[in-house]
Amino acid sequence: MRGKFTPEQKYEIIMESLNSNITVAELCRKHGVAPVNFRKWREKFLEGGKRALGESNSGNDYEKEIDDLKKIIGEQSLIINELKKISGGRRR
């Protein structure tokens, strides 16, 4: 076994597995990776991609919520300004 692999090395090995016709066993032997570890890396890699694709919709939700909050703040600012005019700027 080679020991610890950097995230870049793991990425390169996973990409090699996706872009070639080499078997998992051959790939693992070539890089000195235990097949069980390779499968864990690949699973995490694919899950991360799946989450990233799913977040694109929630990003739009956040933008809508931010726009709604900006609208509320703007309306409240107008109300505060009107109340200041009505009170003549008096303080208690």
C-alpha atoms as a PDB file:
ATOM      1  CA  MET A   1       0.000   0.000   0.000  1.00  0.00           C
ATOM      2  CA  ARG A   2       1.178   3.509  -0.780  1.00  0.00           C
ATOM      3  CA  GLY A   3      -0.398   5.168   2.230  1.00  0.00           C
ATOM      4  CA  LYS A   4      -2.304   8.430   2.193  1.00  0.00           C
ATOM      5  CA  PHE A   5      -3.416   9.965  -1.065  1.00  0.00           C
ATOM      6  CA  THR A   6      -4.010  13.666  -1.578  1.00  0.00           C
ATOM      7  CA  PRO A   7      -7.441  14.835  -2.726  1.00  0.00           C
ATOM      8  CA  GLU A   8      -5.895  15.641  -6.125  1.00  0.00           C
ATOM      9  CA  GLN A   9      -4.522  12.120  -6.460  1.00  0.00           C
ATOM     10  CA  LYS A  10      -7.875  10.600  -5.498  1.00  0.00           C
ATOM     11  CA  TYR A  11      -9.593  12.823  -8.067  1.00  0.00           C
ATOM     12  CA  GLU A  12      -7.157  11.776 -10.798  1.00  0.00           C
ATOM     13  CA  ILE A  13      -7.628   8.079 -10.005  1.00  0.00           C
ATOM     14  CA  ILE A  14     -11.429   8.424  -9.994  1.00  0.00           C
ATOM     15  CA  MET A  15     -11.373  10.334 -13.273  1.00  0.00           C
ATOM     16  CA  GLU A  16      -9.108   7.690 -14.797  1.00  0.00           C
ATOM     17  CA  SER A  17     -11.651   5.057 -13.808  1.00  0.00           C
ATOM     18  CA  LEU A  18     -14.437   7.018 -15.487  1.00  0.00           C
ATOM     19  CA  ASN A  19     -12.480   7.788 -18.658  1.00  0.00           C
ATOM     20  CA  SER A  20     -10.898   4.413 -19.397  1.00  0.00           C
ATOM     21  CA  ASN A  21     -11.885   0.813 -19.952  1.00  0.00           C
ATOM     22  CA  ILE A  22      -9.580  -0.429 -17.198  1.00  0.00           C
ATOM     23  CA  THR A  23     -11.181  -2.576 -14.485  1.00  0.00           C
ATOM     24  CA  VAL A  24     -11.326  -1.421 -10.875  1.00  0.00           C
ATOM     25  CA  ALA A  25      -8.962  -4.228  -9.877  1.00  0.00           C
ATOM     26  CA  GLU A  26      -6.386  -3.205 -12.510  1.00  0.00           C
ATOM     27  CA  LEU A  27      -6.695   0.464 -11.606  1.00  0.00           C
ATOM     28  CA  CYS A  28      -6.237  -0.264  -7.905  1.00  0.00           C
ATOM     29  CA  ARG A  29      -3.174  -2.436  -8.556  1.00  0.00           C
ATOM     30  CA  LYS A  30      -1.703   0.237 -10.822  1.00  0.00           C
ATOM     31  CA  HIS A  31      -2.013   2.944  -8.149  1.00  0.00           C
ATOM     32  CA  GLY A  32      -1.588   0.810  -5.033  1.00  0.00           C
ATOM     33  CA  VAL A  33      -5.099   1.490  -3.753  1.00  0.00           C
ATOM     34  CA  ALA A  34      -7.240  -0.992  -1.861  1.00  0.00           C
ATOM     35  CA  PRO A  35     -10.419  -1.607  -3.900  1.00  0.00           C
ATOM     36  CA  VAL A  36     -12.592  -0.918  -0.850  1.00  0.00           C
ATOM     37  CA  ASN A  37     -10.940   2.491  -0.439  1.00  0.00           C
ATOM     38  CA  PHE A  38     -11.378   3.294  -4.124  1.00  0.00           C
ATOM     39  CA  ARG A  39     -15.076   2.468  -3.943  1.00  0.00           C
ATOM     40  CA  LYS A  40     -15.470   4.767  -0.901  1.00  0.00           C
ATOM     41  CA  TRP A  41     -13.714   7.607  -2.748  1.00  0.00           C
ATOM     42  CA  ARG A  42     -15.855   7.120  -5.834  1.00  0.00           C
ATOM     43  CA  GLU A  43     -19.048   7.018  -3.758  1.00  0.00           C
ATOM     44  CA  LYS A  44     -18.142  10.261  -1.951  1.00  0.00           C
ATOM     45  CA  PHE A  45     -17.147  11.876  -5.254  1.00  0.00           C
ATOM     46  CA  LEU A  46     -20.426  10.978  -6.936  1.00  0.00           C
ATOM     47  CA  GLU A  47     -22.486  11.986  -3.883  1.00  0.00           C
ATOM     48  CA  GLY A  48     -20.761  15.378  -3.830  1.00  0.00           C
ATOM     49  CA  GLY A  49     -21.635  15.893  -7.482  1.00  0.00           C
ATOM     50  CA  LYS A  50     -25.216  14.874  -6.841  1.00  0.00           C
ATOM     51  CA  ARG A  51     -25.532  17.380  -3.964  1.00  0.00           C
ATOM     52  CA  ALA A  52     -23.968  20.128  -6.047  1.00  0.00           C
ATOM     53  CA  LEU A  53     -26.490  19.586  -8.828  1.00  0.00           C
ATOM     54  CA  GLY A  54     -29.377  19.621  -6.365  1.00  0.00           C
ATOM     55  CA  GLU A  55     -28.256  22.878  -4.732  1.00  0.00           C
ATOM     56  CA  SER A  56     -28.719  24.880  -7.910  1.00  0.00           C
ATOM     57  CA  ASN A  57     -32.471  24.964  -7.262  1.00  0.00           C
ATOM     58  CA  SER A  58     -32.088  25.894  -3.606  1.00  0.00           C
ATOM     59  CA  GLY A  59     -29.787  28.741  -4.650  1.00  0.00           C
ATOM     60  CA  ASN A  60     -32.720  30.234  -6.540  1.00  0.00           C
ATOM     61  CA  ASP A  61     -34.849  29.866  -3.399  1.00  0.00           C
ATOM     62  CA  TYR A  62     -32.283  31.843  -1.420  1.00  0.00           C
ATOM     63  CA  GLU A  63     -32.223  34.587  -4.035  1.00  0.00           C
ATOM     64  CA  LYS A  64     -36.022  34.829  -3.924  1.00  0.00           C
ATOM     65  CA  GLU A  65     -35.970  35.011  -0.124  1.00  0.00           C
ATOM     66  CA  ILE A  66     -33.316  37.738  -0.220  1.00  0.00           C
ATOM     67  CA  ASP A  67     -35.375  39.733  -2.732  1.00  0.00           C
ATOM     68  CA  ASP A  68     -38.482  39.342  -0.534  1.00  0.00           C
ATOM     69  CA  LEU A  69     -36.575  40.550   2.523  1.00  0.00           C
ATOM     70  CA  LYS A  70     -35.192  43.541   0.619  1.00  0.00           C
ATOM     71  CA  LYS A  71     -38.740  44.454  -0.383  1.00  0.00           C
ATOM     72  CA  ILE A  72     -39.920  44.251   3.240  1.00  0.00           C
ATOM     73  CA  ILE A  73     -37.005  46.393   4.427  1.00  0.00           C
ATOM     74  CA  GLY A  74     -37.758  48.967   1.748  1.00  0.00           C
ATOM     75  CA  GLU A  75     -41.412  49.129   2.750  1.00  0.00           C
ATOM     76  CA  GLN A  76     -40.477  49.502   6.416  1.00  0.00           C
ATOM     77  CA  SER A  77     -38.068  52.316   5.564  1.00  0.00           C
ATOM     78  CA  LEU A  78     -40.882  54.191   3.795  1.00  0.00           C
ATOM     79  CA  ILE A  79     -43.173  53.734   6.814  1.00  0.00           C
ATOM     80  CA  ILE A  80     -40.477  54.973   9.199  1.00  0.00           C
ATOM     81  CA  ASN A  81     -39.868  58.052   7.040  1.00  0.00           C
ATOM     82  CA  GLU A  82     -43.607  58.836   6.945  1.00  0.00           C
ATOM     83  CA  LEU A  83     -43.871  58.467  10.719  1.00  0.00           C
ATOM     84  CA  LYS A  84     -40.933  60.834  11.158  1.00  0.00           C
ATOM     85  CA  LYS A  85     -42.679  63.406   8.943  1.00  0.00           C
ATOM     86  CA  ILE A  86     -45.926  63.054  10.883  1.00  0.00           C
ATOM     87  CA  SER A  87     -44.208  63.450  14.233  1.00  0.00           C
ATOM     88  CA  GLY A  88     -42.249  66.438  12.961  1.00  0.00           C
ATOM     89  CA  GLY A  89     -39.021  64.877  14.072  1.00  0.00           C
ATOM     90  CA  ARG A  90     -40.041  65.257  17.725  1.00  0.00           C
ATOM     91  CA  ARG A  91     -38.522  63.000  20.307  1.00  0.00           C
ATOM     92  CA  ARG A  92     -39.935  62.171  23.667  1.00  0.00           C
END
